[in-house]
Amino acid sequence: MDIVQRLPLVALMLALLFACGASKAAILSCEGCSYAAYEQTALAAGIGDHYVVDVRNNQLHRFLVQRPYAGEPWEAMPAPVDPWMQDQFVILEAALRVNGYAKTHRVEVSVDSPFMPGGFGNGNAYDIAYSGTARTQLGMALANRFASSSAMLGNVINAVWSAVSSGASSVLGQDLSILVVVRWSDGSQSTFRLDKNNLVVAKLEPGGSIDNEGNIIPGPGAVDNYGIYEGVWIFNDHTNVDRWLRNAAIYGIPVGSSGSGMSCGVVC
């Protein structure tokens, strides 16, 4: 294996952590490696202060790579891990471990769940996709709910939320995210994302609005995500047809053929 292969999630997040306050150091990844491989990873990075991260083995090592005397080989000298860095690593490792080392955690919330913010019980996915006000209000309410009560959803989601929203959340959260699937009483669903950029207001996912007949509802960002609406959508409920066409018109989704070659048909 390539011992200097970089792990995009961990190495990048921890590298940015240092840019936000801790002492400058290179962050390297060596997943599933031996201690000797950690040393070689640091040596391969050249002279300097290097951290080697092995999340799956819960290992974090620091090496100072230097050349004792001119003309001699470089040496990787072990050095104490910065306590702040160790704290961030513990939070990150715990979140990734309990989530199976996945970047995204998905949680479903029904309208009658104790976790669901109040005041939205009569809503549906069409309403949320259509109304910017309703969307923002629900996004803020979900973010606030996580901030105060994520433990209600269990240890896994609580650990992931801690990694996203901790003191280093603005850095850690760029790669960790939580998808919140709200299941409405009519059978439709709205999917929101909480991440580094959406800690105060959860954002509705493009293509994350599904009606009770399985059709993707046009919503914010539709023009930039034409592909997910291309095809033929089949409806048995004329109310859904009217709502779908209303949203398509608002968000610029053409019904029929367009100059771009995209075709979007509706069948009743």
C-alpha atoms as a PDB file:
ATOM      1  CA  MET A   1       0.000   0.000   0.000  1.00  0.00           C
ATOM      2  CA  ASP A   2       1.048   3.600  -0.466  1.00  0.00           C
ATOM      3  CA  ILE A   3       1.902   4.706   3.048  1.00  0.00           C
ATOM      4  CA  VAL A   4       1.787   8.382   2.139  1.00  0.00           C
ATOM      5  CA  GLN A   5      -1.638   8.149   0.584  1.00  0.00           C
ATOM      6  CA  ARG A   6      -3.769  10.957   1.962  1.00  0.00           C
ATOM      7  CA  LEU A   7      -7.179  10.275   3.434  1.00  0.00           C
ATOM      8  CA  PRO A   8      -9.375  13.116   2.118  1.00  0.00           C
ATOM      9  CA  LEU A   9     -11.734  13.287   5.095  1.00  0.00           C
ATOM     10  CA  VAL A  10      -9.360  13.048   8.033  1.00  0.00           C
ATOM     11  CA  ALA A  11      -6.148  14.501   6.673  1.00  0.00           C
ATOM     12  CA  LEU A  12      -7.829  17.556   5.194  1.00  0.00           C
ATOM     13  CA  MET A  13      -9.954  18.256   8.241  1.00  0.00           C
ATOM     14  CA  LEU A  14      -7.051  17.984  10.635  1.00  0.00           C
ATOM     15  CA  ALA A  15      -4.817  20.055   8.380  1.00  0.00           C
ATOM     16  CA  LEU A  16      -7.383  22.825   8.457  1.00  0.00           C
ATOM     17  CA  LEU A  17      -7.659  22.517  12.207  1.00  0.00           C
ATOM     18  CA  PHE A  18      -4.063  23.628  12.462  1.00  0.00           C
ATOM     19  CA  ALA A  19      -4.745  26.551  10.189  1.00  0.00           C
ATOM     20  CA  CYS A  20      -7.323  27.669  12.748  1.00  0.00           C
ATOM     21  CA  GLY A  21      -5.190  28.069  15.802  1.00  0.00           C
ATOM     22  CA  ALA A  22      -2.855  25.244  16.725  1.00  0.00           C
ATOM     23  CA  SER A  23       0.861  25.214  15.891  1.00  0.00           C
ATOM     24  CA  LYS A  24       1.660  24.744  12.210  1.00  0.00           C
ATOM     25  CA  ALA A  25       2.324  21.147  11.197  1.00  0.00           C
ATOM     26  CA  ALA A  26       1.796  18.879   8.235  1.00  0.00           C
ATOM     27  CA  ILE A  27      -1.056  16.389   8.592  1.00  0.00           C
ATOM     28  CA  LEU A  28      -0.432  13.018   6.931  1.00  0.00           C
ATOM     29  CA  SER A  29      -2.527   9.871   6.730  1.00  0.00           C
ATOM     30  CA  CYS A  30      -1.363   6.276   7.066  1.00  0.00           C
ATOM     31  CA  GLU A  31      -4.444   4.133   7.623  1.00  0.00           C
ATOM     32  CA  GLY A  32      -3.886   0.639   9.026  1.00  0.00           C
ATOM     33  CA  CYS A  33      -0.130   1.124   9.252  1.00  0.00           C
ATOM     34  CA  SER A  34       2.556  -0.052  11.650  1.00  0.00           C
ATOM     35  CA  TYR A  35       4.596   2.347  13.766  1.00  0.00           C
ATOM     36  CA  ALA A  36       7.524   1.942  11.374  1.00  0.00           C
ATOM     37  CA  ALA A  37       5.230   2.959   8.530  1.00  0.00           C
ATOM     38  CA  TYR A  38       4.172   6.061  10.475  1.00  0.00           C
ATOM     39  CA  GLU A  39       7.840   7.049  10.686  1.00  0.00           C
ATOM     40  CA  GLN A  40       8.362   6.431   6.983  1.00  0.00           C
ATOM     41  CA  THR A  41       5.303   8.512   6.164  1.00  0.00           C
ATOM     42  CA  ALA A  42       6.733  11.423   8.114  1.00  0.00           C
ATOM     43  CA  LEU A  43      10.175  11.007   6.516  1.00  0.00           C
ATOM     44  CA  ALA A  44       8.674  10.942   3.045  1.00  0.00           C
ATOM     45  CA  ALA A  45       7.101  14.357   3.725  1.00  0.00           C
ATOM     46  CA  GLY A  46      10.539  15.891   4.271  1.00  0.00           C
ATOM     47  CA  ILE A  47      11.921  18.166   6.947  1.00  0.00           C
ATOM     48  CA  GLY A  48       9.445  19.690   9.394  1.00  0.00           C
ATOM     49  CA  ASP A  49       6.822  19.029  12.064  1.00  0.00           C
ATOM     50  CA  HIS A  50       4.428  16.266  10.984  1.00  0.00           C
ATOM     51  CA  TYR A  51       1.381  14.530  12.444  1.00  0.00           C
ATOM     52  CA  VAL A  52       0.544  11.056  11.149  1.00  0.00           C
ATOM     53  CA  VAL A  53      -3.123  10.067  11.478  1.00  0.00           C
ATOM     54  CA  ASP A  54      -4.515   6.520  11.543  1.00  0.00           C
ATOM     55  CA  VAL A  55      -8.172   6.909  12.483  1.00  0.00           C
ATOM     56  CA  ARG A  56      -9.193   3.284  12.081  1.00  0.00           C
ATOM     57  CA  ASN A  57      -6.486   2.202  14.528  1.00  0.00           C
ATOM     58  CA  ASN A  58      -7.086   5.224  16.776  1.00  0.00           C
ATOM     59  CA  GLN A  59      -3.500   6.387  16.393  1.00  0.00           C
ATOM     60  CA  LEU A  60      -2.130   9.915  16.251  1.00  0.00           C
ATOM     61  CA  HIS A  61       1.639  10.444  16.216  1.00  0.00           C
ATOM     62  CA  ARG A  62       3.844  13.484  15.918  1.00  0.00           C
ATOM     63  CA  PHE A  63       7.330  13.458  14.396  1.00  0.00           C
ATOM     64  CA  LEU A  64       9.954  16.132  13.959  1.00  0.00           C
ATOM     65  CA  VAL A  65      11.835  15.321  10.782  1.00  0.00           C
ATOM     66  CA  GLN A  66      15.333  16.756  10.758  1.00  0.00           C
ATOM     67  CA  ARG A  67      18.873  16.063   9.593  1.00  0.00           C
ATOM     68  CA  PRO A  68      21.199  15.794  12.639  1.00  0.00           C
ATOM     69  CA  TYR A  69      24.320  16.653  10.655  1.00  0.00           C
ATOM     70  CA  ALA A  70      24.968  17.865   7.156  1.00  0.00           C
ATOM     71  CA  GLY A  71      25.111  15.026   4.701  1.00  0.00           C
ATOM     72  CA  GLU A  72      23.422  12.509   7.010  1.00  0.00           C
ATOM     73  CA  PRO A  73      19.961  10.991   6.401  1.00  0.00           C
ATOM     74  CA  TRP A  74      16.912  12.692   7.838  1.00  0.00           C
ATOM     75  CA  GLU A  75      15.511  11.296  11.066  1.00  0.00           C
ATOM     76  CA  ALA A  76      11.912  11.192  12.323  1.00  0.00           C
ATOM     77  CA  MET A  77      12.068  12.015  16.012  1.00  0.00           C
ATOM     78  CA  PRO A  78       8.908  11.305  18.099  1.00  0.00           C
ATOM     79  CA  ALA A  79       7.449  14.400  19.768  1.00  0.00           C
ATOM     80  CA  PRO A  80       4.546  15.000  22.211  1.00  0.00           C
ATOM     81  CA  VAL A  81       1.127  15.467  20.616  1.00  0.00           C
ATOM     82  CA  ASP A  82      -0.377  18.894  21.245  1.00  0.00           C
ATOM     83  CA  PRO A  83      -3.245  18.447  23.795  1.00  0.00           C
ATOM     84  CA  TRP A  84      -5.627  20.558  21.719  1.00  0.00           C
ATOM     85  CA  MET A  85      -4.866  18.444  18.691  1.00  0.00           C
ATOM     86  CA  GLN A  86      -5.470  15.270  20.690  1.00  0.00           C
ATOM     87  CA  ASP A  87      -8.865  16.558  21.825  1.00  0.00           C
ATOM     88  CA  GLN A  88      -9.959  17.251  18.248  1.00  0.00           C
ATOM     89  CA  PHE A  89      -8.753  13.851  17.134  1.00  0.00           C
ATOM     90  CA  VAL A  90     -10.762  12.126  19.866  1.00  0.00           C
ATOM     91  CA  ILE A  91     -13.953  13.901  18.784  1.00  0.00           C
ATOM     92  CA  LEU A  92     -13.352  13.133  15.138  1.00  0.00           C
ATOM     93  CA  GLU A  93     -12.355   9.506  15.658  1.00  0.00           C
ATOM     94  CA  ALA A  94     -15.381   8.816  17.844  1.00  0.00           C
ATOM     95  CA  ALA A  95     -17.788  10.267  15.298  1.00  0.00           C
ATOM     96  CA  LEU A  96     -16.302   8.383  12.371  1.00  0.00           C
ATOM     97  CA  ARG A  97     -16.019   5.117  14.279  1.00  0.00           C
ATOM     98  CA  VAL A  98     -19.629   4.977  15.450  1.00  0.00           C
ATOM     99  CA  ASN A  99     -20.817   6.011  11.992  1.00  0.00           C
ATOM    100  CA  GLY A 100     -18.891   3.245  10.242  1.00  0.00           C
ATOM    101  CA  TYR A 101     -16.349   5.779   8.963  1.00  0.00           C
ATOM    102  CA  ALA A 102     -18.941   7.299   6.637  1.00  0.00           C
ATOM    103  CA  LYS A 103     -18.920  11.032   5.954  1.00  0.00           C
ATOM    104  CA  THR A 104     -22.693  11.372   6.139  1.00  0.00           C
ATOM    105  CA  HIS A 105     -25.189  10.184   8.733  1.00  0.00           C
ATOM    106  CA  ARG A 106     -28.862   9.859   7.800  1.00  0.00           C
ATOM    107  CA  VAL A 107     -31.620  10.183  10.370  1.00  0.00           C
ATOM    108  CA  GLU A 108     -35.383  10.055   9.825  1.00  0.00           C
ATOM    109  CA  VAL A 109     -37.857  12.146  11.801  1.00  0.00           C
ATOM    110  CA  SER A 110     -41.632  11.830  11.544  1.00  0.00           C
ATOM    111  CA  VAL A 111     -43.945  14.754  12.193  1.00  0.00           C
ATOM    112  CA  ASP A 112     -45.218  13.119  15.389  1.00  0.00           C
ATOM    113  CA  SER A 113     -41.730  12.398  16.725  1.00  0.00           C
ATOM    114  CA  PRO A 114     -40.806  14.153  19.999  1.00  0.00           C
ATOM    115  CA  PHE A 115     -37.703  15.425  18.195  1.00  0.00           C
ATOM    116  CA  MET A 116     -39.667  17.170  15.446  1.00  0.00           C
ATOM    117  CA  PRO A 117     -39.980  20.935  16.028  1.00  0.00           C
ATOM    118  CA  GLY A 118     -43.527  22.052  16.774  1.00  0.00           C
ATOM    119  CA  GLY A 119     -45.691  24.008  14.379  1.00  0.00           C
ATOM    120  CA  PHE A 120     -45.056  21.970  11.231  1.00  0.00           C
ATOM    121  CA  GLY A 121     -47.449  19.067  11.716  1.00  0.00           C
ATOM    122  CA  ASN A 122     -49.753  20.094   8.861  1.00  0.00           C
ATOM    123  CA  GLY A 123     -46.976  20.572   6.321  1.00  0.00           C
ATOM    124  CA  ASN A 124     -45.867  18.489   3.382  1.00  0.00           C
ATOM    125  CA  ALA A 125     -42.933  18.304   1.013  1.00  0.00           C
ATOM    126  CA  TYR A 126     -44.613  20.474  -1.633  1.00  0.00           C
ATOM    127  CA  ASP A 127     -45.166  23.287   0.879  1.00  0.00           C
ATOM    128  CA  ILE A 128     -41.546  23.202   2.040  1.00  0.00           C
ATOM    129  CA  ALA A 129     -40.127  23.122  -1.491  1.00  0.00           C
ATOM    130  CA  TYR A 130     -42.457  25.952  -2.576  1.00  0.00           C
ATOM    131  CA  SER A 131     -42.139  28.397   0.315  1.00  0.00           C
ATOM    132  CA  GLY A 132     -38.791  29.966   1.133  1.00  0.00           C
ATOM    133  CA  THR A 133     -40.183  31.212   4.445  1.00  0.00           C
ATOM    134  CA  ALA A 134     -41.439  27.783   5.541  1.00  0.00           C
ATOM    135  CA  ARG A 135     -38.186  26.195   4.382  1.00  0.00           C
ATOM    136  CA  THR A 136     -36.041  28.625   6.368  1.00  0.00           C
ATOM    137  CA  GLN A 137     -38.215  28.341   9.463  1.00  0.00           C
ATOM    138  CA  LEU A 138     -38.043  24.552   9.450  1.00  0.00           C
ATOM    139  CA  GLY A 139     -34.310  24.596   8.676  1.00  0.00           C
ATOM    140  CA  MET A 140     -33.657  26.878  11.648  1.00  0.00           C
ATOM    141  CA  ALA A 141     -35.903  24.825  13.909  1.00  0.00           C
ATOM    142  CA  LEU A 142     -34.116  21.583  12.971  1.00  0.00           C
ATOM    143  CA  ALA A 143     -30.694  23.136  13.583  1.00  0.00           C
ATOM    144  CA  ASN A 144     -31.837  24.436  16.963  1.00  0.00           C
ATOM    145  CA  ARG A 145     -33.272  21.033  17.839  1.00  0.00           C
ATOM    146  CA  PHE A 146     -29.956  19.335  17.135  1.00  0.00           C
ATOM    147  CA  ALA A 147     -28.085  21.951  19.113  1.00  0.00           C
ATOM    148  CA  SER A 148     -30.226  21.308  22.181  1.00  0.00           C
ATOM    149  CA  SER A 149     -31.368  17.695  21.915  1.00  0.00           C
ATOM    150  CA  SER A 150     -29.233  15.594  19.547  1.00  0.00           C
ATOM    151  CA  ALA A 151     -28.792  13.005  22.319  1.00  0.00           C
ATOM    152  CA  MET A 152     -32.484  12.128  21.910  1.00  0.00           C
ATOM    153  CA  LEU A 153     -31.602  10.434  18.621  1.00  0.00           C
ATOM    154  CA  GLY A 154     -28.990   8.106  20.110  1.00  0.00           C
ATOM    155  CA  ASN A 155     -25.249   7.859  20.588  1.00  0.00           C
ATOM    156  CA  VAL A 156     -24.309   7.704  16.916  1.00  0.00           C
ATOM    157  CA  ILE A 157     -26.050  10.881  15.840  1.00  0.00           C
ATOM    158  CA  ASN A 158     -24.946  12.623  19.024  1.00  0.00           C
ATOM    159  CA  ALA A 159     -21.299  11.788  18.315  1.00  0.00           C
ATOM    160  CA  VAL A 160     -21.547  12.932  14.701  1.00  0.00           C
ATOM    161  CA  TRP A 161     -23.273  16.150  15.737  1.00  0.00           C
ATOM    162  CA  SER A 162     -20.555  16.770  18.328  1.00  0.00           C
ATOM    163  CA  ALA A 163     -17.930  16.515  15.589  1.00  0.00           C
ATOM    164  CA  VAL A 164     -19.902  18.863  13.356  1.00  0.00           C
ATOM    165  CA  SER A 165     -20.776  21.435  15.997  1.00  0.00           C
ATOM    166  CA  SER A 166     -17.891  21.300  18.498  1.00  0.00           C
ATOM    167  CA  GLY A 167     -15.385  24.092  19.081  1.00  0.00           C
ATOM    168  CA  ALA A 168     -13.651  22.996  15.862  1.00  0.00           C
ATOM    169  CA  SER A 169     -16.913  22.427  14.012  1.00  0.00           C
ATOM    170  CA  SER A 170     -16.303  25.070  11.379  1.00  0.00           C
ATOM    171  CA  VAL A 171     -13.375  22.962  10.214  1.00  0.00           C
ATOM    172  CA  LEU A 172     -14.504  19.443  11.076  1.00  0.00           C
ATOM    173  CA  GLY A 173     -17.958  19.976   9.600  1.00  0.00           C
ATOM    174  CA  GLN A 174     -16.724  20.635   6.073  1.00  0.00           C
ATOM    175  CA  ASP A 175     -16.681  16.906   5.415  1.00  0.00           C
ATOM    176  CA  LEU A 176     -19.023  15.510   8.068  1.00  0.00           C
ATOM    177  CA  SER A 177     -22.717  16.084   7.535  1.00  0.00           C
ATOM    178  CA  ILE A 178     -26.106  14.949   8.763  1.00  0.00           C
ATOM    179  CA  LEU A 179     -29.068  14.333   6.468  1.00  0.00           C
ATOM    180  CA  VAL A 180     -32.392  14.824   8.236  1.00  0.00           C
ATOM    181  CA  VAL A 181     -35.295  13.158   6.420  1.00  0.00           C
ATOM    182  CA  VAL A 182     -38.609  14.645   7.560  1.00  0.00           C
ATOM    183  CA  ARG A 183     -41.479  12.264   6.833  1.00  0.00           C
ATOM    184  CA  TRP A 184     -44.759  14.121   6.550  1.00  0.00           C
ATOM    185  CA  SER A 185     -48.169  12.738   7.475  1.00  0.00           C
ATOM    186  CA  ASP A 186     -49.258  12.573   3.806  1.00  0.00           C
ATOM    187  CA  GLY A 187     -46.346  10.241   2.988  1.00  0.00           C
ATOM    188  CA  SER A 188     -44.124  12.848   1.337  1.00  0.00           C
ATOM    189  CA  GLN A 189     -40.629  13.655   2.615  1.00  0.00           C
ATOM    190  CA  SER A 190     -38.173  16.554   2.791  1.00  0.00           C
ATOM    191  CA  THR A 191     -34.435  16.011   3.273  1.00  0.00           C
ATOM    192  CA  PHE A 192     -32.303  18.675   4.942  1.00  0.00           C
ATOM    193  CA  ARG A 193     -28.523  18.806   5.371  1.00  0.00           C
ATOM    194  CA  LEU A 194     -26.626  19.996   8.441  1.00  0.00           C
ATOM    195  CA  ASP A 195     -22.910  20.576   7.933  1.00  0.00           C
ATOM    196  CA  LYS A 196     -20.133  23.121   8.416  1.00  0.00           C
ATOM    197  CA  ASN A 197     -21.921  25.656   6.246  1.00  0.00           C
ATOM    198  CA  ASN A 198     -25.400  24.929   7.598  1.00  0.00           C
ATOM    199  CA  LEU A 199     -25.150  24.845  11.382  1.00  0.00           C
ATOM    200  CA  VAL A 200     -27.707  27.590  12.012  1.00  0.00           C
ATOM    201  CA  VAL A 201     -30.148  26.783   9.217  1.00  0.00           C
ATOM    202  CA  ALA A 202     -30.348  23.259   7.793  1.00  0.00           C
ATOM    203  CA  LYS A 203     -30.589  23.428   4.006  1.00  0.00           C
ATOM    204  CA  LEU A 204     -33.045  21.536   1.822  1.00  0.00           C
ATOM    205  CA  GLU A 205     -31.159  19.050  -0.366  1.00  0.00           C
ATOM    206  CA  PRO A 206     -31.516  19.403  -4.148  1.00  0.00           C
ATOM    207  CA  GLY A 207     -33.784  16.541  -5.138  1.00  0.00           C
ATOM    208  CA  GLY A 208     -34.533  15.889  -1.482  1.00  0.00           C
ATOM    209  CA  SER A 209     -38.251  16.639  -1.764  1.00  0.00           C
ATOM    210  CA  ILE A 210     -40.301  13.544  -2.683  1.00  0.00           C
ATOM    211  CA  ASP A 211     -44.088  13.477  -2.889  1.00  0.00           C
ATOM    212  CA  ASN A 212     -46.287  10.627  -1.706  1.00  0.00           C
ATOM    213  CA  GLU A 213     -46.222   9.089  -5.181  1.00  0.00           C
ATOM    214  CA  GLY A 214     -42.422   8.958  -5.333  1.00  0.00           C
ATOM    215  CA  ASN A 215     -41.951  11.949  -7.637  1.00  0.00           C
ATOM    216  CA  ILE A 216     -39.039  14.342  -7.073  1.00  0.00           C
ATOM    217  CA  ILE A 217     -40.476  17.793  -6.408  1.00  0.00           C
ATOM    218  CA  PRO A 218     -38.777  20.800  -8.077  1.00  0.00           C
ATOM    219  CA  GLY A 219     -37.215  23.024  -5.456  1.00  0.00           C
ATOM    220  CA  PRO A 220     -34.354  25.442  -4.767  1.00  0.00           C
ATOM    221  CA  GLY A 221     -31.362  24.901  -7.003  1.00  0.00           C
ATOM    222  CA  ALA A 222     -33.475  23.132  -9.620  1.00  0.00           C
ATOM    223  CA  VAL A 223     -31.886  25.019 -12.530  1.00  0.00           C
ATOM    224  CA  ASP A 224     -28.451  23.811 -11.410  1.00  0.00           C
ATOM    225  CA  ASN A 225     -29.675  20.217 -11.029  1.00  0.00           C
ATOM    226  CA  TYR A 226     -31.646  19.666 -14.234  1.00  0.00           C
ATOM    227  CA  GLY A 227     -30.577  16.044 -14.491  1.00  0.00           C
ATOM    228  CA  ILE A 228     -32.563  14.884 -11.482  1.00  0.00           C
ATOM    229  CA  TYR A 229     -35.810  16.155 -13.044  1.00  0.00           C
ATOM    230  CA  GLU A 230     -35.293  14.725 -16.507  1.00  0.00           C
ATOM    231  CA  GLY A 231     -37.719  11.986 -17.387  1.00  0.00           C
ATOM    232  CA  VAL A 232     -41.411  11.231 -17.096  1.00  0.00           C
ATOM    233  CA  TRP A 233     -43.283  11.698 -13.827  1.00  0.00           C
ATOM    234  CA  ILE A 234     -46.480   9.742 -13.212  1.00  0.00           C
ATOM    235  CA  PHE A 235     -49.268  11.059 -10.990  1.00  0.00           C
ATOM    236  CA  ASN A 236     -52.524   9.589  -9.766  1.00  0.00           C
ATOM    237  CA  ASP A 237     -53.373  12.603  -7.622  1.00  0.00           C
ATOM    238  CA  HIS A 238     -54.332  15.747  -9.545  1.00  0.00           C
ATOM    239  CA  THR A 239     -53.490  17.899  -6.547  1.00  0.00           C
ATOM    240  CA  ASN A 240     -49.928  16.651  -6.810  1.00  0.00           C
ATOM    241  CA  VAL A 241     -49.904  17.440 -10.529  1.00  0.00           C
ATOM    242  CA  ASP A 242     -50.953  21.025  -9.897  1.00  0.00           C
ATOM    243  CA  ARG A 243     -48.375  21.467  -7.157  1.00  0.00           C
ATOM    244  CA  TRP A 244     -45.605  19.857  -9.222  1.00  0.00           C
ATOM    245  CA  LEU A 245     -46.317  22.122 -12.227  1.00  0.00           C
ATOM    246  CA  ARG A 246     -46.460  25.169  -9.940  1.00  0.00           C
ATOM    247  CA  ASN A 247     -43.057  24.371  -8.476  1.00  0.00           C
ATOM    248  CA  ALA A 248     -41.601  23.539 -11.887  1.00  0.00           C
ATOM    249  CA  ALA A 249     -42.667  26.935 -13.202  1.00  0.00           C
ATOM    250  CA  ILE A 250     -41.252  28.771 -10.173  1.00  0.00           C
ATOM    251  CA  TYR A 251     -37.888  27.035 -10.298  1.00  0.00           C
ATOM    252  CA  GLY A 252     -37.417  27.089 -14.062  1.00  0.00           C
ATOM    253  CA  ILE A 253     -37.984  23.435 -14.922  1.00  0.00           C
ATOM    254  CA  PRO A 254     -39.473  23.184 -18.435  1.00  0.00           C
ATOM    255  CA  VAL A 255     -42.226  20.685 -19.054  1.00  0.00           C
ATOM    256  CA  GLY A 256     -41.748  19.228 -22.523  1.00  0.00           C
ATOM    257  CA  SER A 257     -38.554  19.631 -24.553  1.00  0.00           C
ATOM    258  CA  SER A 258     -36.116  22.474 -24.171  1.00  0.00           C
ATOM    259  CA  GLY A 259     -33.235  23.873 -26.152  1.00  0.00           C
ATOM    260  CA  SER A 260     -30.835  22.147 -23.797  1.00  0.00           C
ATOM    261  CA  GLY A 261     -32.206  18.788 -24.873  1.00  0.00           C
ATOM    262  CA  MET A 262     -33.754  18.118 -21.485  1.00  0.00           C
ATOM    263  CA  SER A 263     -37.212  16.614 -21.512  1.00  0.00           C
ATOM    264  CA  CYS A 264     -39.560  16.583 -18.564  1.00  0.00           C
ATOM    265  CA  GLY A 265     -42.964  14.999 -19.014  1.00  0.00           C
ATOM    266  CA  VAL A 266     -45.967  14.665 -16.723  1.00  0.00           C
ATOM    267  CA  VAL A 267     -48.424  11.768 -17.008  1.00  0.00           C
ATOM    268  CA  CYS A 268     -51.732  11.753 -15.113  1.00  0.00           C
END
